[in-house]
Every structure is written in structure tokens, then in C-alpha cells.
């Protein structure tokens, strides 16, 4: 089975005024795979700083109208999404196919 990757926004930080301009998006990249009934998982978390958002911009979206998809777009624009997903995949692969194993052949 291939590693499943899911992104989410854990929380947003915003200016405490009537515009509620988002300044930071806390994200999580979660990956998992199941091998022989055993689930292997790894999370990478981070924060994207969104300092360029202003209330007078034509593309401004009110806080109440934001979606997770839009916030993920903003976060991904600030980071190397492919590299993060590759690290998550590598971690899962290391768990599912470890370089070292242990055991006793007479008990297997």
C-alpha cells in the first residue's frame, strides 16, 4: 500500500481587530501506511507566516469566509510542499522497511 498524505490547518493566528487579518497558519502534514495489519505514521508540523495579507487588497477574504483549502494554499506558497511530503514518505518507509531487524531464527 502507498503512503497516504493529508494536510490540515491546526489553527490560525490573526490580528485582534475588526479585520481579523490572518498572520500565521499552523499546519500539519500527516502520513501513514498500513503493512501486514500494522499502521505506521509520521507527522510534520510547522507555521507559515502570512505577512503580506492586507484588508484593502482586492483578494482579501474575511476571516469568517476562510476555508481550510484557501489557508493551505497560502501556507504551501510559503514552504516546499514536495520536500515535506518526501520527508514524511521517507520516515514511513524507514518504519515499514527498517535497515536493521531483530529476532531469533529459532523463534520465527
C-alpha atoms as a PDB file:
ATOM      1  CA  UNK A   1       0.000   0.000   0.000  1.00  0.00           C
ATOM      2  CA  UNK A   2       1.231   3.528  -0.703  1.00  0.00           C
ATOM      3  CA  UNK A   3       1.666   6.151   1.965  1.00  0.00           C
ATOM      4  CA  UNK A   4      -1.396   8.340   2.438  1.00  0.00           C
ATOM      5  CA  UNK A   5      -0.658  12.039   2.956  1.00  0.00           C
ATOM      6  CA  UNK A   6      -3.126  14.515   4.462  1.00  0.00           C
ATOM      7  CA  UNK A   7      -2.574  18.213   5.139  1.00  0.00           C
ATOM      8  CA  UNK A   8      -4.536  20.247   7.661  1.00  0.00           C
ATOM      9  CA  UNK A   9      -4.534  23.656   9.262  1.00  0.00           C
ATOM     10  CA  UNK A  10      -4.292  23.206  13.020  1.00  0.00           C
ATOM     11  CA  UNK A  11      -5.003  26.842  13.907  1.00  0.00           C
ATOM     12  CA  UNK A  12      -4.728  30.380  12.569  1.00  0.00           C
ATOM     13  CA  UNK A  13      -3.328  33.435  14.283  1.00  0.00           C
ATOM     14  CA  UNK A  14      -4.976  36.724  13.362  1.00  0.00           C
ATOM     15  CA  UNK A  15      -4.935  40.383  14.300  1.00  0.00           C
ATOM     16  CA  UNK A  16      -7.403  41.112  17.101  1.00  0.00           C
ATOM     17  CA  UNK A  17      -9.377  43.874  15.391  1.00  0.00           C
ATOM     18  CA  UNK A  18     -12.416  44.133  13.139  1.00  0.00           C
ATOM     19  CA  UNK A  19     -10.456  42.955  10.041  1.00  0.00           C
ATOM     20  CA  UNK A  20      -9.140  39.777  11.715  1.00  0.00           C
ATOM     21  CA  UNK A  21      -6.245  39.551   9.237  1.00  0.00           C
ATOM     22  CA  UNK A  22      -4.563  36.145   9.391  1.00  0.00           C
ATOM     23  CA  UNK A  23      -0.830  36.444  10.108  1.00  0.00           C
ATOM     24  CA  UNK A  24       0.172  32.808  10.701  1.00  0.00           C
ATOM     25  CA  UNK A  25      -1.131  29.420   9.631  1.00  0.00           C
ATOM     26  CA  UNK A  26      -0.108  26.436  11.777  1.00  0.00           C
ATOM     27  CA  UNK A  27      -0.167  23.358   9.557  1.00  0.00           C
ATOM     28  CA  UNK A  28       0.294  19.605   9.840  1.00  0.00           C
ATOM     29  CA  UNK A  29       1.346  17.106   7.195  1.00  0.00           C
ATOM     30  CA  UNK A  30       0.289  13.634   8.319  1.00  0.00           C
ATOM     31  CA  UNK A  31       1.331  10.476   6.538  1.00  0.00           C
ATOM     32  CA  UNK A  32       0.509   6.838   7.205  1.00  0.00           C
ATOM     33  CA  UNK A  33       0.706   3.421   5.686  1.00  0.00           C
ATOM     34  CA  UNK A  34      -0.546   0.016   6.738  1.00  0.00           C
ATOM     35  CA  UNK A  35       1.622  -3.060   6.246  1.00  0.00           C
ATOM     36  CA  UNK A  36       0.501  -6.539   7.333  1.00  0.00           C
ATOM     37  CA  UNK A  37      -2.146  -5.038   9.617  1.00  0.00           C
ATOM     38  CA  UNK A  38       0.353  -2.698  11.307  1.00  0.00           C
ATOM     39  CA  UNK A  39      -0.164   1.060  10.942  1.00  0.00           C
ATOM     40  CA  UNK A  40       2.892   3.303  10.558  1.00  0.00           C
ATOM     41  CA  UNK A  41       2.557   7.082  10.816  1.00  0.00           C
ATOM     42  CA  UNK A  42       4.578  10.276  10.858  1.00  0.00           C
ATOM     43  CA  UNK A  43       3.601  13.952  11.263  1.00  0.00           C
ATOM     44  CA  UNK A  44       5.464  17.073  10.318  1.00  0.00           C
ATOM     45  CA  UNK A  45       4.156  20.342  11.720  1.00  0.00           C
ATOM     46  CA  UNK A  46       5.075  23.941  11.074  1.00  0.00           C
ATOM     47  CA  UNK A  47       3.983  27.548  10.795  1.00  0.00           C
ATOM     48  CA  UNK A  48       3.706  29.699   7.687  1.00  0.00           C
ATOM     49  CA  UNK A  49       3.956  33.452   8.235  1.00  0.00           C
ATOM     50  CA  UNK A  50       1.467  35.346   6.071  1.00  0.00           C
ATOM     51  CA  UNK A  51       2.657  38.917   6.466  1.00  0.00           C
ATOM     52  CA  UNK A  52       1.525  40.165   3.032  1.00  0.00           C
ATOM     53  CA  UNK A  53      -2.237  39.915   3.637  1.00  0.00           C
ATOM     54  CA  UNK A  54      -3.960  43.285   3.937  1.00  0.00           C
ATOM     55  CA  UNK A  55      -7.622  44.199   4.392  1.00  0.00           C
ATOM     56  CA  UNK A  56      -7.598  46.589   1.447  1.00  0.00           C
ATOM     57  CA  UNK A  57      -6.347  44.024  -1.092  1.00  0.00           C
ATOM     58  CA  UNK A  58      -8.747  43.059  -3.879  1.00  0.00           C
ATOM     59  CA  UNK A  59      -8.295  39.396  -2.970  1.00  0.00           C
ATOM     60  CA  UNK A  60      -8.979  39.888   0.756  1.00  0.00           C
ATOM     61  CA  UNK A  61     -11.172  37.174   2.264  1.00  0.00           C
ATOM     62  CA  UNK A  62     -12.990  37.899   5.506  1.00  0.00           C
ATOM     63  CA  UNK A  63     -11.959  35.660   8.402  1.00  0.00           C
ATOM     64  CA  UNK A  64     -15.451  34.140   8.646  1.00  0.00           C
ATOM     65  CA  UNK A  65     -15.300  33.177   4.947  1.00  0.00           C
ATOM     66  CA  UNK A  66     -11.924  31.405   5.026  1.00  0.00           C
ATOM     67  CA  UNK A  67     -11.690  27.722   4.187  1.00  0.00           C
ATOM     68  CA  UNK A  68      -9.044  25.199   5.095  1.00  0.00           C
ATOM     69  CA  UNK A  69      -8.284  24.802   1.386  1.00  0.00           C
ATOM     70  CA  UNK A  70      -7.566  28.539   0.965  1.00  0.00           C
ATOM     71  CA  UNK A  71      -5.389  28.627   4.101  1.00  0.00           C
ATOM     72  CA  UNK A  72      -3.463  25.577   2.887  1.00  0.00           C
ATOM     73  CA  UNK A  73      -2.861  27.355  -0.440  1.00  0.00           C
ATOM     74  CA  UNK A  74      -1.391  30.293   1.482  1.00  0.00           C
ATOM     75  CA  UNK A  75       0.760  28.001   3.640  1.00  0.00           C
ATOM     76  CA  UNK A  76       2.007  25.955   0.665  1.00  0.00           C
ATOM     77  CA  UNK A  77       3.055  29.149  -1.116  1.00  0.00           C
ATOM     78  CA  UNK A  78       5.494  29.740   1.765  1.00  0.00           C
ATOM     79  CA  UNK A  79       7.080  26.295   2.001  1.00  0.00           C
ATOM     80  CA  UNK A  80       8.459  23.425  -0.043  1.00  0.00           C
ATOM     81  CA  UNK A  81       5.438  21.115  -0.017  1.00  0.00           C
ATOM     82  CA  UNK A  82       7.120  18.421  -2.125  1.00  0.00           C
ATOM     83  CA  UNK A  83      10.145  18.277   0.195  1.00  0.00           C
ATOM     84  CA  UNK A  84       7.934  17.967   3.296  1.00  0.00           C
ATOM     85  CA  UNK A  85       5.884  15.186   1.722  1.00  0.00           C
ATOM     86  CA  UNK A  86       9.118  13.427   0.690  1.00  0.00           C
ATOM     87  CA  UNK A  87      10.376  13.552   4.314  1.00  0.00           C
ATOM     88  CA  UNK A  88       7.086  12.119   5.556  1.00  0.00           C
ATOM     89  CA  UNK A  89       7.255   9.349   2.941  1.00  0.00           C
ATOM     90  CA  UNK A  90      10.888   8.593   3.829  1.00  0.00           C
ATOM     91  CA  UNK A  91      10.045   8.322   7.524  1.00  0.00           C
ATOM     92  CA  UNK A  92       7.192   5.909   6.817  1.00  0.00           C
ATOM     93  CA  UNK A  93       9.439   3.879   4.518  1.00  0.00           C
ATOM     94  CA  UNK A  94      12.106   3.660   7.244  1.00  0.00           C
ATOM     95  CA  UNK A  95       9.456   2.348   9.632  1.00  0.00           C
ATOM     96  CA  UNK A  96       7.995  -0.209   7.219  1.00  0.00           C
ATOM     97  CA  UNK A  97      11.336  -1.435   5.851  1.00  0.00           C
ATOM     98  CA  UNK A  98      13.906  -0.849   8.616  1.00  0.00           C
ATOM     99  CA  UNK A  99      17.614  -1.179   7.852  1.00  0.00           C
ATOM    100  CA  UNK A 100      18.021  -3.362  10.951  1.00  0.00           C
ATOM    101  CA  UNK A 101      15.724  -6.002  12.354  1.00  0.00           C
ATOM    102  CA  UNK A 102      15.933  -8.132  15.465  1.00  0.00           C
ATOM    103  CA  UNK A 103      14.844 -11.586  16.426  1.00  0.00           C
ATOM    104  CA  UNK A 104      15.945 -15.210  16.787  1.00  0.00           C
ATOM    105  CA  UNK A 105      15.608 -17.573  13.846  1.00  0.00           C
ATOM    106  CA  UNK A 106      14.530 -20.466  16.045  1.00  0.00           C
ATOM    107  CA  UNK A 107      11.511 -18.435  17.235  1.00  0.00           C
ATOM    108  CA  UNK A 108      10.276 -17.187  13.884  1.00  0.00           C
END
